[in-house]
Amino acid sequence: MTDRSGAPVVVGVDGSPSALDAVRLAAREAASRHRPLRVVHAFRWQPVGTALGPVAVVLPDDEVRQEAGKLVAEAVEEARKIDADLAVTGTVTDGGPVAVLLRESRDAALLVLGHRGLGGFAELLVGSAAVQLSARADCPVLVSRGEARATGPVVVGVDGSPVSDEAVGFAFAEAARRGAELVVVHAWLYPPPVGLREAYGDVMPLRYDPRQLRADEERVLAEAVAGWSERYPEVTVRPRLVAAASPAGVLVEESGAAQLTVVGAHGRGSLGGLLLGSVSHAVLHHCRSPLAVVRHPRG
């Protein structure tokens, strides 16, 4: 994992309540990490529309930019309410939200997003744009979701993949920094009954040893934390091996008491080819705590 010494925490804003929640979360994260906070608004000129299409007369560009500047100034002020000593800067940058924040992520320690947006960040619903940023950013992405808690464990999902290992490393570092317990969740499936095999096809051999199958999954969980436990001996680890139909559902349930939930950008499941992967995508939609998405480094 890269420390990026001196790199800021970056938060995208648009004046919406969700964005201000993200600003407050980002300010707390920046203060606890002893890093500066950079507030960013993506400015994209849009003409005023009519039933016949765009009209020629629009608000002057400088007036629109002034309004964008006010949004940033309000966000900066909100961040300083969290910590008066926090170093905070704000900027209005030309471009669409995804492109702007992807550029910002290259030099950021953490990218913070609200789960819904307006105006310059209208695309930052929990949908395609948020998925793109979570999967493509060059730093971990923290999405302001659920309830912000100062107590409770850090929860991380594991599946034995390299992406999962990045997420586990991030989660250990966060648990150590917060003085929190770390709950490491590995959810797995028993082979379906014969009737379901006939309906949906085989996913496992017809003959298997349930005890051996569980032992294999226990090994995945143990190996996921072994090296990191040695690196962070101060972190109390609570392993959770769960036989469940929905790994995402298990993580969402655990997030209900967590101060932070952590997932990798995608895993090894049948839908692992998606940008986020089926489990991470589902958790992004339903998580009950702030959610960190950690991507495996490029190349």
Protein backbone atom coordinates (compact mmCIF):
# COMPACT_ATOMS: atom_id res chain seq x y z
CA MET A 1 0.00 0.00 0.00
CA THR A 2 1.25 3.50 -0.83
CA ASP A 3 1.46 6.10 1.93
CA ARG A 4 1.64 9.12 -0.45
CA SER A 5 3.22 11.28 2.23
CA GLY A 6 1.76 14.79 2.23
CA ALA A 7 -1.02 13.94 -0.24
CA PRO A 8 -4.40 15.51 0.56
CA VAL A 9 -7.79 14.01 1.22
CA VAL A 10 -9.98 15.13 -1.71
CA VAL A 11 -13.74 15.59 -1.55
CA GLY A 12 -16.14 16.36 -4.40
CA VAL A 13 -18.89 18.91 -3.67
CA ASP A 14 -21.97 20.39 -5.34
CA GLY A 15 -23.93 22.05 -2.54
CA SER A 16 -26.26 19.09 -1.93
CA PRO A 17 -26.90 17.76 1.61
CA SER A 18 -25.12 14.53 0.63
CA ALA A 19 -22.05 16.47 -0.49
CA LEU A 20 -21.94 18.35 2.82
CA ASP A 21 -22.12 15.04 4.65
CA ALA A 22 -19.13 13.96 2.55
CA VAL A 23 -17.30 17.19 3.43
CA ARG A 24 -17.79 16.59 7.15
CA LEU A 25 -16.63 12.98 6.77
CA ALA A 26 -13.63 14.07 4.67
CA ALA A 27 -12.68 16.73 7.22
CA ARG A 28 -12.67 14.17 10.04
CA GLU A 29 -10.61 11.77 7.93
CA ALA A 30 -8.11 14.47 6.93
CA ALA A 31 -7.73 15.68 10.53
CA SER A 32 -7.21 12.17 11.92
CA ARG A 33 -4.65 11.44 9.19
CA HIS A 34 -2.87 14.79 9.68
CA ARG A 35 -3.38 15.61 6.01
CA PRO A 36 -4.71 18.69 4.22
CA LEU A 37 -8.20 18.67 2.74
CA ARG A 38 -8.87 19.68 -0.87
CA VAL A 39 -12.47 20.57 -1.80
CA VAL A 40 -13.22 20.18 -5.52
CA HIS A 41 -16.21 21.22 -7.63
CA ALA A 42 -16.39 20.12 -11.27
CA PHE A 43 -17.59 22.98 -13.46
CA ARG A 44 -19.39 21.94 -16.60
CA TRP A 45 -21.23 24.64 -18.55
CA GLN A 46 -24.76 23.68 -19.49
CA PRO A 47 -27.18 25.82 -21.54
CA VAL A 48 -30.64 26.64 -20.29
CA GLY A 49 -33.09 24.26 -22.00
CA THR A 50 -36.54 24.78 -23.52
CA ALA A 51 -39.04 22.42 -25.08
CA LEU A 52 -37.38 23.15 -28.42
CA GLY A 53 -33.89 22.48 -27.14
CA PRO A 54 -31.06 24.68 -25.78
CA VAL A 55 -31.51 28.43 -26.12
CA ALA A 56 -28.87 30.90 -27.17
CA VAL A 57 -29.20 33.13 -24.10
CA VAL A 58 -27.71 31.63 -20.92
CA LEU A 59 -26.34 32.92 -17.67
CA PRO A 60 -22.94 34.56 -18.26
CA ASP A 61 -20.08 32.18 -17.67
CA ASP A 62 -18.59 34.33 -14.90
CA GLU A 63 -21.91 34.36 -12.98
CA VAL A 64 -22.14 30.57 -13.12
CA ARG A 65 -18.54 30.28 -11.96
CA GLN A 66 -19.24 32.66 -9.09
CA GLU A 67 -22.06 30.40 -7.94
CA ALA A 68 -19.73 27.41 -8.17
CA GLY A 69 -17.16 29.34 -6.14
CA LYS A 70 -19.78 30.01 -3.45
CA LEU A 71 -20.51 26.27 -3.21
CA VAL A 72 -16.83 25.57 -2.66
CA ALA A 73 -16.48 28.39 -0.11
CA GLU A 74 -19.46 27.05 1.87
CA ALA A 75 -17.97 23.56 1.82
CA VAL A 76 -14.60 24.87 3.02
CA GLU A 77 -16.31 26.69 5.87
CA GLU A 78 -18.22 23.51 6.80
CA ALA A 79 -14.94 21.58 6.93
CA ARG A 80 -13.40 24.17 9.25
CA LYS A 81 -16.32 23.70 11.66
CA ILE A 82 -15.09 20.13 12.13
CA ASP A 83 -11.52 21.21 12.84
CA ALA A 84 -10.53 24.87 12.94
CA ASP A 85 -6.85 23.97 12.53
CA LEU A 86 -7.38 21.82 9.45
CA ALA A 87 -5.58 23.03 6.31
CA VAL A 88 -8.39 23.34 3.73
CA THR A 89 -8.27 24.57 0.15
CA GLY A 90 -11.01 24.71 -2.49
CA THR A 91 -11.07 24.80 -6.25
CA VAL A 92 -13.47 24.94 -9.20
CA THR A 93 -12.15 22.76 -12.03
CA ASP A 94 -13.45 22.55 -15.61
CA GLY A 95 -14.74 19.15 -16.66
CA GLY A 96 -17.23 16.41 -15.86
CA PRO A 97 -17.31 14.98 -12.32
CA VAL A 98 -15.82 11.58 -13.17
CA ALA A 99 -12.95 12.96 -15.26
CA VAL A 100 -12.14 15.68 -12.73
CA LEU A 101 -12.09 13.37 -9.73
CA LEU A 102 -10.14 10.67 -11.53
CA ARG A 103 -7.44 13.27 -12.19
CA GLU A 104 -7.55 14.39 -8.57
CA SER A 105 -7.18 10.80 -7.36
CA ARG A 106 -3.73 10.54 -8.93
CA ASP A 107 -2.26 12.72 -6.20
CA ALA A 108 -4.70 12.03 -3.36
CA ALA A 109 -4.43 9.87 -0.26
CA LEU A 110 -8.21 9.36 -0.19
CA LEU A 111 -11.13 10.41 -2.40
CA VAL A 112 -14.41 11.10 -0.56
CA LEU A 113 -17.82 11.12 -2.27
CA GLY A 114 -21.39 11.73 -1.22
CA HIS A 115 -23.81 8.98 -2.17
CA ARG A 116 -26.07 11.45 -4.01
CA GLY A 117 -25.48 14.76 -5.73
CA LEU A 118 -26.88 17.74 -7.56
CA GLY A 119 -25.62 20.21 -10.13
CA GLY A 120 -21.96 19.69 -10.95
CA PHE A 121 -22.06 16.25 -9.37
CA ALA A 122 -25.50 15.15 -10.54
CA GLU A 123 -23.96 11.94 -11.86
CA LEU A 124 -22.66 10.94 -8.45
CA LEU A 125 -25.71 8.93 -7.50
CA VAL A 126 -24.97 5.44 -6.31
CA GLY A 127 -24.91 4.31 -9.92
CA SER A 128 -22.63 4.22 -12.92
CA ALA A 129 -20.45 7.24 -12.11
CA ALA A 130 -19.87 6.27 -8.48
CA VAL A 131 -19.09 2.74 -9.63
CA GLN A 132 -16.59 4.09 -12.17
CA LEU A 133 -14.84 6.26 -9.59
CA SER A 134 -14.71 3.48 -7.01
CA ALA A 135 -13.29 1.04 -9.55
CA ARG A 136 -10.93 3.35 -11.44
CA ALA A 137 -9.57 5.88 -8.95
CA ASP A 138 -5.85 5.78 -8.20
CA CYS A 139 -6.47 5.95 -4.45
CA PRO A 140 -9.00 4.42 -2.05
CA VAL A 141 -12.51 5.86 -2.37
CA LEU A 142 -14.63 6.59 0.71
CA VAL A 143 -18.38 6.91 0.10
CA SER A 144 -20.44 8.73 2.72
CA ARG A 145 -23.23 6.25 3.46
CA GLY A 146 -25.29 5.20 6.45
CA GLU A 147 -24.47 6.52 9.87
CA ALA A 148 -21.11 8.07 10.74
CA ARG A 149 -20.00 6.43 14.01
CA ALA A 150 -17.02 7.12 16.25
CA THR A 151 -17.26 3.62 17.73
CA GLY A 152 -17.80 0.12 16.42
CA PRO A 153 -15.55 -2.21 14.44
CA VAL A 154 -13.98 -1.89 11.02
CA VAL A 155 -15.53 -4.56 8.78
CA VAL A 156 -13.83 -6.01 5.70
CA GLY A 157 -14.92 -8.65 3.20
CA VAL A 158 -12.39 -11.19 1.91
CA ASP A 159 -12.41 -13.77 -0.88
CA GLY A 160 -8.75 -14.72 -1.27
CA SER A 161 -8.12 -12.57 -4.35
CA PRO A 162 -5.30 -9.96 -4.75
CA VAL A 163 -7.97 -7.24 -4.65
CA SER A 164 -9.22 -8.68 -1.39
CA ASP A 165 -5.68 -8.54 0.03
CA GLU A 166 -5.46 -4.81 -0.75
CA ALA A 167 -8.77 -4.26 1.04
CA VAL A 168 -7.61 -6.28 4.07
CA GLY A 169 -4.39 -4.26 4.31
CA PHE A 170 -6.33 -1.00 4.19
CA ALA A 171 -8.78 -2.30 6.82
CA PHE A 172 -5.96 -3.33 9.18
CA ALA A 173 -4.37 0.10 8.88
CA GLU A 174 -7.72 1.76 9.57
CA ALA A 175 -8.44 -0.46 12.57
CA ALA A 176 -5.00 0.31 14.00
CA ARG A 177 -5.41 4.04 13.42
CA ARG A 178 -8.88 4.07 15.01
CA GLY A 179 -8.10 1.67 17.85
CA ALA A 180 -10.99 -0.49 16.64
CA GLU A 181 -11.68 -4.20 16.41
CA LEU A 182 -11.43 -5.66 12.91
CA VAL A 183 -14.19 -8.01 11.73
CA VAL A 184 -12.99 -10.05 8.74
CA VAL A 185 -15.92 -11.58 6.86
CA HIS A 186 -15.72 -14.47 4.41
CA ALA A 187 -19.09 -15.67 3.09
CA TRP A 188 -19.33 -18.86 1.07
CA LEU A 189 -21.92 -21.22 -0.38
CA TYR A 190 -22.58 -24.91 0.15
CA PRO A 191 -23.25 -26.72 -3.15
CA PRO A 192 -26.97 -26.55 -4.05
CA PRO A 193 -29.31 -29.55 -3.61
CA VAL A 194 -29.65 -32.00 -6.48
CA GLY A 195 -32.99 -30.48 -7.55
CA LEU A 196 -31.38 -27.07 -7.99
CA ARG A 197 -28.48 -28.61 -9.89
CA GLU A 198 -30.95 -30.08 -12.36
CA ALA A 199 -32.59 -26.69 -12.79
CA TYR A 200 -29.50 -24.48 -12.90
CA GLY A 201 -26.57 -26.76 -13.69
CA ASP A 202 -23.69 -28.04 -11.59
CA VAL A 203 -21.54 -25.56 -9.73
CA MET A 204 -19.72 -28.15 -7.63
CA PRO A 205 -18.81 -31.85 -8.04
CA LEU A 206 -21.68 -34.26 -7.40
CA ARG A 207 -19.69 -35.72 -4.51
CA TYR A 208 -17.99 -33.56 -1.95
CA ASP A 209 -16.99 -33.62 1.70
CA PRO A 210 -18.75 -30.80 3.60
CA ARG A 211 -16.07 -30.85 6.28
CA GLN A 212 -13.31 -30.53 3.72
CA LEU A 213 -15.21 -27.77 1.94
CA ARG A 214 -15.54 -25.79 5.17
CA ALA A 215 -11.88 -26.44 5.99
CA ASP A 216 -10.89 -25.00 2.62
CA GLU A 217 -12.92 -21.85 3.27
CA GLU A 218 -11.45 -21.53 6.77
CA ARG A 219 -8.02 -21.66 5.13
CA VAL A 220 -8.97 -18.79 2.78
CA LEU A 221 -9.99 -16.69 5.77
CA ALA A 222 -6.90 -17.55 7.82
CA GLU A 223 -4.52 -16.83 4.95
CA ALA A 224 -6.24 -13.50 4.26
CA VAL A 225 -5.29 -12.13 7.68
CA ALA A 226 -2.08 -14.00 8.57
CA GLY A 227 0.55 -11.63 7.22
CA TRP A 228 -1.40 -8.50 8.15
CA SER A 229 -1.90 -9.68 11.73
CA GLU A 230 1.87 -9.94 12.10
CA ARG A 231 2.25 -6.40 10.76
CA TYR A 232 -0.49 -4.99 13.02
CA PRO A 233 -0.26 -7.08 16.24
CA GLU A 234 -2.19 -4.41 18.17
CA VAL A 235 -5.35 -5.03 16.13
CA THR A 236 -7.89 -7.43 17.60
CA VAL A 237 -9.26 -9.59 14.77
CA ARG A 238 -12.66 -11.30 14.83
CA PRO A 239 -12.98 -13.74 11.90
CA ARG A 240 -16.48 -14.38 10.54
CA LEU A 241 -16.92 -17.44 8.33
CA VAL A 242 -20.52 -17.49 7.10
CA ALA A 243 -22.35 -19.94 4.85
CA ALA A 244 -24.77 -17.58 3.11
CA ALA A 245 -26.58 -17.18 -0.17
CA SER A 246 -25.62 -13.50 -0.35
CA PRO A 247 -22.08 -12.41 0.63
CA ALA A 248 -23.17 -8.79 0.05
CA GLY A 249 -26.07 -9.27 2.44
CA VAL A 250 -23.72 -10.49 5.15
CA LEU A 251 -21.47 -7.43 4.73
CA VAL A 252 -24.44 -5.06 4.74
CA GLU A 253 -25.71 -6.65 7.95
CA GLU A 254 -22.29 -6.32 9.59
CA SER A 255 -22.06 -2.68 8.46
CA GLY A 256 -25.05 -1.84 10.65
CA ALA A 257 -22.80 -1.56 13.72
CA ALA A 258 -19.52 -0.63 11.96
CA GLN A 259 -17.71 2.67 11.89
CA LEU A 260 -16.25 1.69 8.52
CA THR A 261 -16.84 -1.06 5.97
CA VAL A 262 -14.15 -2.00 3.43
CA VAL A 263 -14.42 -3.91 0.14
CA GLY A 264 -12.15 -4.52 -2.83
CA ALA A 265 -12.94 -3.13 -6.27
CA HIS A 266 -13.87 -6.59 -7.57
CA GLY A 267 -13.43 -10.20 -6.58
CA ARG A 268 -13.34 -13.72 -7.94
CA GLY A 269 -17.09 -14.44 -8.24
CA SER A 270 -19.03 -15.27 -11.38
CA LEU A 271 -19.55 -11.56 -12.00
CA GLY A 272 -16.00 -10.61 -11.10
CA GLY A 273 -15.49 -9.12 -14.55
CA LEU A 274 -17.67 -6.14 -13.66
CA LEU A 275 -15.79 -2.98 -12.79
CA LEU A 276 -16.75 -3.30 -9.14
CA GLY A 277 -17.87 -6.90 -9.01
CA SER A 278 -21.30 -8.02 -7.92
CA VAL A 279 -20.64 -8.05 -4.16
CA SER A 280 -18.91 -4.66 -3.93
CA HIS A 281 -21.53 -3.14 -6.22
CA ALA A 282 -24.36 -4.38 -4.00
CA VAL A 283 -22.65 -3.20 -0.81
CA LEU A 284 -22.15 0.24 -2.39
CA HIS A 285 -25.92 0.50 -2.79
CA HIS A 286 -26.96 -0.74 0.65
CA CYS A 287 -24.12 -0.18 3.13
CA ARG A 288 -25.16 1.22 6.53
CA SER A 289 -21.82 2.84 7.33
CA PRO A 290 -19.21 4.83 5.41
CA LEU A 291 -17.79 2.51 2.76
CA ALA A 292 -14.19 2.36 1.56
CA VAL A 293 -13.56 0.77 -1.83
CA VAL A 294 -9.93 -0.25 -2.36
CA ARG A 295 -8.68 -1.07 -5.85
CA HIS A 296 -5.72 -3.30 -6.70
CA PRO A 297 -2.90 -1.10 -8.09
CA ARG A 298 -2.47 -0.98 -11.85
CA GLY A 299 0.21 -2.98 -13.54
